[in-house]
Amino acid sequence: MFSLITLEDTVRIPPEKFDKALEIVTHEELSGKFEGIVNNELGFVVAVTNMEVSPVGRVIPGDGATYHTVSFTLLSYHPEVQEIVEGEVVEIEDFGAFIRVGPIDALLHVSQVIDDFVSYDERRGTLMAKSTGRLLKQGDTIRGRITVVSLGRGGSSGKIGMTMRQPFLGKIDWIKEDVEKNRQQLEERRREALAKTA
């Protein structure tokens, strides 16, 4: 889930950047410090937004920089177990597919693609279900459920696992086909019930 997190910090403005606007340097410094980090509290930090920097800074003896108090907002993605997400297939391997979910790639293991035997076609770069013939390839849009979240520590990116082996999850085209098939079956049952009562 994406969220906005409001924080307050002190930013160091080095002397070589005194010729630039305070807001621009502050944004550069905060972006370098926060964007791209991953931790349990903040999740995956995507961007620094809505900054309010104090124009009055402090000087510390022995350091030519100025230190300014700044309040700002972080745009963060914090995946949650059981969350339903949509993403794009960015890579297919023999063990599964990598799905771009927000700012990170989640692993969709081959056993979690569909309730069917799935094989990898290296030549075409696809995963194919044996009974249904359904294909999953790079560029497909899918809907899945997050099953595992392990956020990295010390700069590592963390890991997300997901499944599509539940009703109304899977490749978007498969979901549309299944919904249409269910609608037709319900319509047929309704007609049969009406015929019996007539």
Protein backbone atom coordinates (compact mmCIF):
# COMPACT_ATOMS: atom_id res chain seq x y z
CA MET A 1 0.00 0.00 0.00
CA PHE A 2 1.27 3.46 -0.87
CA SER A 3 1.27 6.01 1.91
CA LEU A 4 2.47 9.50 2.74
CA ILE A 5 4.66 9.79 5.83
CA THR A 6 5.39 13.19 7.38
CA LEU A 7 8.78 13.59 9.05
CA GLU A 8 11.01 16.31 10.47
CA ASP A 9 14.79 16.30 10.17
CA THR A 10 17.83 18.55 10.04
CA VAL A 11 19.54 18.93 6.69
CA ARG A 12 23.20 19.93 6.23
CA ILE A 13 23.80 22.45 3.42
CA PRO A 14 27.47 22.26 2.38
CA PRO A 15 29.27 25.55 1.60
CA GLU A 16 29.83 24.61 -2.05
CA LYS A 17 26.05 24.67 -2.55
CA PHE A 18 25.39 28.10 -1.02
CA ASP A 19 24.98 29.55 -4.51
CA LYS A 20 21.86 27.39 -5.18
CA ALA A 21 18.34 27.96 -3.87
CA LEU A 22 17.85 26.55 -0.36
CA GLU A 23 14.78 24.50 -1.40
CA ILE A 24 16.64 22.86 -4.31
CA VAL A 25 19.65 21.89 -2.19
CA THR A 26 17.40 20.67 0.62
CA HIS A 27 15.48 18.47 -1.82
CA GLU A 28 18.74 17.08 -3.24
CA GLU A 29 20.06 16.28 0.23
CA LEU A 30 16.82 14.66 1.44
CA SER A 31 16.43 12.68 -1.78
CA GLY A 32 19.95 11.34 -1.41
CA LYS A 33 19.28 10.37 2.18
CA PHE A 34 15.80 8.84 1.90
CA GLU A 35 14.84 7.87 -1.67
CA GLY A 36 15.47 4.23 -2.41
CA ILE A 37 15.88 3.11 1.19
CA VAL A 38 14.00 0.12 2.53
CA ASN A 39 13.13 -0.56 6.15
CA ASN A 40 10.34 -1.99 8.27
CA GLU A 41 9.05 1.41 9.42
CA LEU A 42 9.10 3.33 6.16
CA GLY A 43 8.79 0.53 3.59
CA PHE A 44 10.20 1.34 0.12
CA VAL A 45 10.74 5.11 -0.02
CA VAL A 46 9.84 6.33 -3.51
CA ALA A 47 10.06 10.13 -3.29
CA VAL A 48 10.49 13.17 -1.04
CA THR A 49 7.66 15.71 -1.41
CA ASN A 50 6.11 18.78 0.27
CA MET A 51 9.15 20.25 1.99
CA GLU A 52 9.12 23.22 4.34
CA VAL A 53 12.67 24.25 5.18
CA SER A 54 13.55 26.89 7.77
CA PRO A 55 15.42 29.75 6.09
CA VAL A 56 17.42 30.30 9.28
CA GLY A 57 20.16 27.74 9.77
CA ARG A 58 22.67 26.95 12.50
CA VAL A 59 26.45 26.96 12.11
CA ILE A 60 28.53 24.45 14.05
CA PRO A 61 32.10 25.54 14.94
CA GLY A 62 34.63 23.80 12.71
CA ASP A 63 32.08 23.07 9.96
CA GLY A 64 31.38 25.65 7.27
CA ALA A 65 27.97 24.19 6.47
CA THR A 66 24.60 25.42 7.69
CA TYR A 67 22.05 23.15 9.34
CA HIS A 68 18.36 23.77 8.66
CA THR A 69 15.26 22.20 10.19
CA VAL A 70 12.95 20.78 7.53
CA SER A 71 9.57 19.07 7.60
CA PHE A 72 8.72 16.94 4.59
CA THR A 73 6.60 14.09 3.31
CA LEU A 74 7.80 10.76 1.97
CA LEU A 75 5.86 8.78 -0.63
CA SER A 76 6.37 5.20 0.47
CA TYR A 77 5.24 1.74 -0.60
CA HIS A 78 4.75 -0.74 2.22
CA PRO A 79 3.53 -4.12 0.91
CA GLU A 80 1.22 -6.04 3.21
CA VAL A 81 0.61 -9.77 3.39
CA GLN A 82 -2.82 -10.64 1.87
CA GLU A 83 -2.90 -7.38 -0.11
CA ILE A 84 -4.33 -7.74 -3.63
CA VAL A 85 -2.12 -5.95 -6.16
CA GLU A 86 -1.87 -5.53 -9.90
CA GLY A 87 1.46 -5.55 -11.66
CA GLU A 88 3.28 -6.14 -14.89
CA VAL A 89 5.29 -9.24 -15.74
CA VAL A 90 8.84 -7.93 -16.23
CA GLU A 91 10.76 -11.19 -16.49
CA ILE A 92 10.03 -14.89 -17.00
CA GLU A 93 12.38 -17.61 -15.71
CA ASP A 94 12.10 -21.39 -15.41
CA PHE A 95 11.26 -21.04 -11.69
CA GLY A 96 8.57 -18.35 -12.13
CA ALA A 97 7.98 -14.73 -13.06
CA PHE A 98 9.00 -11.38 -11.64
CA ILE A 99 6.10 -8.97 -11.30
CA ARG A 100 6.63 -5.19 -11.00
CA VAL A 101 4.54 -4.14 -8.01
CA GLY A 102 4.98 -0.49 -7.17
CA PRO A 103 8.71 0.23 -6.90
CA ILE A 104 9.83 -3.42 -6.48
CA ASP A 105 9.66 -6.74 -8.30
CA ALA A 106 7.78 -9.58 -6.58
CA LEU A 107 8.43 -13.26 -7.25
CA LEU A 108 5.55 -15.31 -8.59
CA HIS A 109 6.85 -18.87 -8.22
CA VAL A 110 5.88 -21.29 -10.99
CA SER A 111 3.81 -23.28 -8.46
CA GLN A 112 1.70 -20.17 -7.73
CA VAL A 113 0.78 -19.18 -11.31
CA ILE A 114 -2.37 -21.30 -11.81
CA ASP A 115 -4.02 -24.50 -10.56
CA ASP A 116 -2.45 -26.54 -13.35
CA PHE A 117 0.92 -28.01 -14.28
CA VAL A 118 3.03 -25.12 -15.60
CA SER A 119 6.03 -25.50 -17.88
CA TYR A 120 8.64 -23.00 -19.03
CA ASP A 121 9.13 -22.43 -22.75
CA GLU A 122 12.62 -20.95 -22.98
CA ARG A 123 12.37 -20.28 -26.74
CA ARG A 124 9.25 -18.10 -26.36
CA GLY A 125 10.02 -16.89 -22.84
CA THR A 126 6.62 -17.98 -21.49
CA LEU A 127 5.07 -20.04 -18.76
CA MET A 128 2.31 -22.31 -20.09
CA ALA A 129 -0.41 -24.19 -18.23
CA LYS A 130 -0.70 -27.79 -19.49
CA SER A 131 -4.49 -28.36 -19.33
CA THR A 132 -5.81 -24.89 -20.16
CA GLY A 133 -3.01 -23.77 -22.50
CA ARG A 134 -2.95 -20.37 -20.80
CA LEU A 135 0.29 -18.43 -21.34
CA LEU A 136 2.05 -15.91 -19.15
CA LYS A 137 4.64 -13.72 -20.86
CA GLN A 138 6.62 -10.54 -20.33
CA GLY A 139 4.40 -7.43 -20.53
CA ASP A 140 1.24 -9.17 -19.28
CA THR A 141 -0.75 -7.43 -16.54
CA ILE A 142 -1.71 -9.64 -13.61
CA ARG A 143 -3.63 -9.44 -10.35
CA GLY A 144 -2.20 -11.36 -7.42
CA ARG A 145 -2.17 -11.63 -3.65
CA ILE A 146 0.97 -10.89 -1.65
CA THR A 147 1.85 -13.92 0.47
CA VAL A 148 5.30 -13.07 1.86
CA VAL A 149 6.99 -9.78 2.72
CA SER A 150 10.57 -9.62 3.94
CA LEU A 151 11.87 -6.07 3.95
CA GLY A 152 15.63 -5.77 3.58
CA ARG A 153 18.00 -4.48 6.16
CA GLY A 154 21.11 -2.43 5.68
CA GLY A 155 20.33 -1.33 2.14
CA SER A 156 19.05 -4.61 0.67
CA SER A 157 15.83 -4.35 -1.28
CA GLY A 158 13.75 -6.98 0.48
CA LYS A 159 11.59 -9.69 -1.03
CA ILE A 160 7.94 -10.10 -1.91
CA GLY A 161 6.27 -13.39 -2.81
CA MET A 162 2.84 -13.67 -4.38
CA THR A 163 0.21 -16.08 -5.65
CA MET A 164 -2.42 -16.11 -8.39
CA ARG A 165 -3.91 -19.48 -7.36
CA GLN A 166 -7.18 -18.10 -6.03
CA PRO A 167 -10.48 -17.15 -7.65
CA PHE A 168 -10.41 -13.92 -9.65
CA LEU A 169 -6.63 -13.67 -9.50
CA GLY A 170 -4.33 -14.22 -12.45
CA LYS A 171 -3.59 -12.61 -15.77
CA ILE A 172 -6.21 -9.89 -16.36
CA ASP A 173 -7.31 -11.57 -19.63
CA TRP A 174 -7.85 -14.86 -17.75
CA ILE A 175 -9.98 -13.11 -15.14
CA LYS A 176 -12.16 -11.52 -17.84
CA GLU A 177 -12.59 -14.93 -19.53
CA ASP A 178 -13.53 -16.57 -16.21
CA VAL A 179 -16.02 -13.83 -15.33
CA GLU A 180 -17.68 -14.14 -18.76
CA LYS A 181 -17.79 -17.95 -18.45
CA ASN A 182 -19.41 -17.66 -14.99
CA ARG A 183 -21.91 -15.11 -16.31
CA GLN A 184 -22.91 -17.45 -19.15
CA GLN A 185 -23.27 -20.41 -16.76
CA LEU A 186 -25.50 -18.37 -14.44
CA GLU A 187 -27.61 -17.23 -17.37
CA GLU A 188 -28.01 -20.81 -18.56
CA ARG A 189 -29.02 -21.99 -15.07
CA ARG A 190 -31.52 -19.15 -14.85
CA ARG A 191 -33.06 -20.18 -18.20
CA GLU A 192 -33.21 -23.83 -17.10
CA ALA A 193 -34.93 -22.84 -13.83
CA LEU A 194 -37.45 -20.70 -15.76
CA ALA A 195 -38.13 -23.57 -18.19
CA LYS A 196 -38.86 -25.96 -15.30
CA THR A 197 -41.36 -23.56 -13.75
CA ALA A 198 -43.17 -22.88 -17.03
